[in-house]
Amino acid sequence: MRLLFDFECLGGHTEEHFVSSDTREVECPHCHKPSHRIQSPIRSALDPISGDFKKATGKWMRNRDQKLKQERKANAE
């Protein structure tokens, strides 16, 4: 079975490749140097409550306002 892994060469190029899970090295398509498999970055979510991330906070506030409007409307009926 082939999986998607990240590989980085000594020239600093990082590429994704579909390879078998036991493959540790591939050739860099840019500089043809050996590329070694690296650990992929994890997916993370930004904390919208702290205010440190303006876009995440803005999205959280819009969603919250929308939910409050829906609740008020439902309670008014």
C-alpha atoms as a PDB file:
ATOM      1  CA  MET A   1       0.000   0.000   0.000  1.00  0.00           C
ATOM      2  CA  ARG A   2       1.238   3.470  -0.870  1.00  0.00           C
ATOM      3  CA  LEU A   3       0.901   6.407   1.510  1.00  0.00           C
ATOM      4  CA  LEU A   4       1.657  10.119   1.309  1.00  0.00           C
ATOM      5  CA  PHE A   5       4.856  11.210   3.093  1.00  0.00           C
ATOM      6  CA  ASP A   6       6.936  14.409   3.156  1.00  0.00           C
ATOM      7  CA  PHE A   7      10.566  14.252   2.043  1.00  0.00           C
ATOM      8  CA  GLU A   8      13.267  16.914   2.392  1.00  0.00           C
ATOM      9  CA  CYS A   9      16.611  17.016   0.561  1.00  0.00           C
ATOM     10  CA  LEU A  10      19.905  18.615   1.612  1.00  0.00           C
ATOM     11  CA  GLY A  11      19.118  21.460  -0.806  1.00  0.00           C
ATOM     12  CA  GLY A  12      16.125  22.445   1.338  1.00  0.00           C
ATOM     13  CA  HIS A  13      13.387  21.275  -1.043  1.00  0.00           C
ATOM     14  CA  THR A  14      10.354  19.654   0.591  1.00  0.00           C
ATOM     15  CA  GLU A  15       8.027  17.470  -1.473  1.00  0.00           C
ATOM     16  CA  GLU A  16       5.222  14.985  -0.903  1.00  0.00           C
ATOM     17  CA  HIS A  17       5.493  11.520  -2.449  1.00  0.00           C
ATOM     18  CA  PHE A  18       3.202   8.486  -2.559  1.00  0.00           C
ATOM     19  CA  VAL A  19       5.469   5.640  -1.454  1.00  0.00           C
ATOM     20  CA  SER A  20       5.294   2.433   0.545  1.00  0.00           C
ATOM     21  CA  SER A  21       5.516   2.846   4.313  1.00  0.00           C
ATOM     22  CA  ASP A  22       9.024   1.370   4.466  1.00  0.00           C
ATOM     23  CA  THR A  23      10.526   3.878   1.968  1.00  0.00           C
ATOM     24  CA  ARG A  24      12.886   6.246   3.795  1.00  0.00           C
ATOM     25  CA  GLU A  25      14.656   7.973   0.880  1.00  0.00           C
ATOM     26  CA  VAL A  26      13.729   9.213  -2.619  1.00  0.00           C
ATOM     27  CA  GLU A  27      15.458  11.397  -5.198  1.00  0.00           C
ATOM     28  CA  CYS A  28      14.622  15.106  -5.124  1.00  0.00           C
ATOM     29  CA  PRO A  29      12.878  16.071  -8.376  1.00  0.00           C
ATOM     30  CA  HIS A  30      14.472  19.552  -8.261  1.00  0.00           C
ATOM     31  CA  CYS A  31      18.172  18.952  -7.539  1.00  0.00           C
ATOM     32  CA  HIS A  32      18.355  15.135  -7.774  1.00  0.00           C
ATOM     33  CA  LYS A  33      19.941  14.870  -4.319  1.00  0.00           C
ATOM     34  CA  PRO A  34      18.715  12.224  -1.856  1.00  0.00           C
ATOM     35  CA  SER A  35      15.582  13.280   0.049  1.00  0.00           C
ATOM     36  CA  HIS A  36      14.894  11.781   3.451  1.00  0.00           C
ATOM     37  CA  ARG A  37      11.453  11.236   4.910  1.00  0.00           C
ATOM     38  CA  ILE A  38      10.527  13.806   7.551  1.00  0.00           C
ATOM     39  CA  GLN A  39       7.733  13.949  10.077  1.00  0.00           C
ATOM     40  CA  SER A  40       4.776  15.842   8.670  1.00  0.00           C
ATOM     41  CA  PRO A  41       3.492  18.804  10.659  1.00  0.00           C
ATOM     42  CA  ILE A  42       0.377  18.136  12.680  1.00  0.00           C
ATOM     43  CA  ARG A  43      -2.912  19.850  12.029  1.00  0.00           C
ATOM     44  CA  SER A  44      -3.861  22.310  14.728  1.00  0.00           C
ATOM     45  CA  ALA A  45      -6.695  24.689  15.453  1.00  0.00           C
ATOM     46  CA  LEU A  46      -6.229  28.278  16.567  1.00  0.00           C
ATOM     47  CA  ASP A  47      -7.718  29.407  19.863  1.00  0.00           C
ATOM     48  CA  PRO A  48     -10.474  31.884  18.963  1.00  0.00           C
ATOM     49  CA  ILE A  49     -11.304  32.852  22.553  1.00  0.00           C
ATOM     50  CA  SER A  50      -7.935  34.406  23.470  1.00  0.00           C
ATOM     51  CA  GLY A  51      -8.083  37.103  20.773  1.00  0.00           C
ATOM     52  CA  ASP A  52      -4.515  36.305  19.676  1.00  0.00           C
ATOM     53  CA  PHE A  53      -5.699  35.114  16.263  1.00  0.00           C
ATOM     54  CA  LYS A  54      -7.889  37.818  14.737  1.00  0.00           C
ATOM     55  CA  LYS A  55      -9.382  35.752  11.901  1.00  0.00           C
ATOM     56  CA  ALA A  56     -10.237  32.829  14.170  1.00  0.00           C
ATOM     57  CA  THR A  57     -11.707  35.215  16.744  1.00  0.00           C
ATOM     58  CA  GLY A  58     -13.751  37.006  14.070  1.00  0.00           C
ATOM     59  CA  LYS A  59     -15.130  33.734  12.763  1.00  0.00           C
ATOM     60  CA  TRP A  60     -15.991  32.583  16.281  1.00  0.00           C
ATOM     61  CA  MET A  61     -17.777  35.892  16.993  1.00  0.00           C
ATOM     62  CA  ARG A  62     -19.809  35.722  13.754  1.00  0.00           C
ATOM     63  CA  ASN A  63     -20.852  32.131  14.490  1.00  0.00           C
ATOM     64  CA  ARG A  64     -21.734  33.034  18.081  1.00  0.00           C
ATOM     65  CA  ASP A  65     -23.817  36.031  16.993  1.00  0.00           C
ATOM     66  CA  GLN A  66     -25.681  33.907  14.467  1.00  0.00           C
ATOM     67  CA  LYS A  67     -26.461  31.243  17.078  1.00  0.00           C
ATOM     68  CA  LEU A  68     -27.630  33.855  19.586  1.00  0.00           C
ATOM     69  CA  LYS A  69     -29.994  35.375  16.993  1.00  0.00           C
ATOM     70  CA  GLN A  70     -31.419  31.931  16.235  1.00  0.00           C
ATOM     71  CA  GLU A  71     -31.924  31.202  19.948  1.00  0.00           C
ATOM     72  CA  ARG A  72     -33.594  34.581  20.567  1.00  0.00           C
ATOM     73  CA  LYS A  73     -35.916  34.053  17.623  1.00  0.00           C
ATOM     74  CA  ALA A  74     -36.819  30.538  18.799  1.00  0.00           C
ATOM     75  CA  ASN A  75     -37.478  31.789  22.365  1.00  0.00           C
ATOM     76  CA  ALA A  76     -39.623  34.695  21.122  1.00  0.00           C
ATOM     77  CA  GLU A  77     -42.059  32.393  19.330  1.00  0.00           C
END
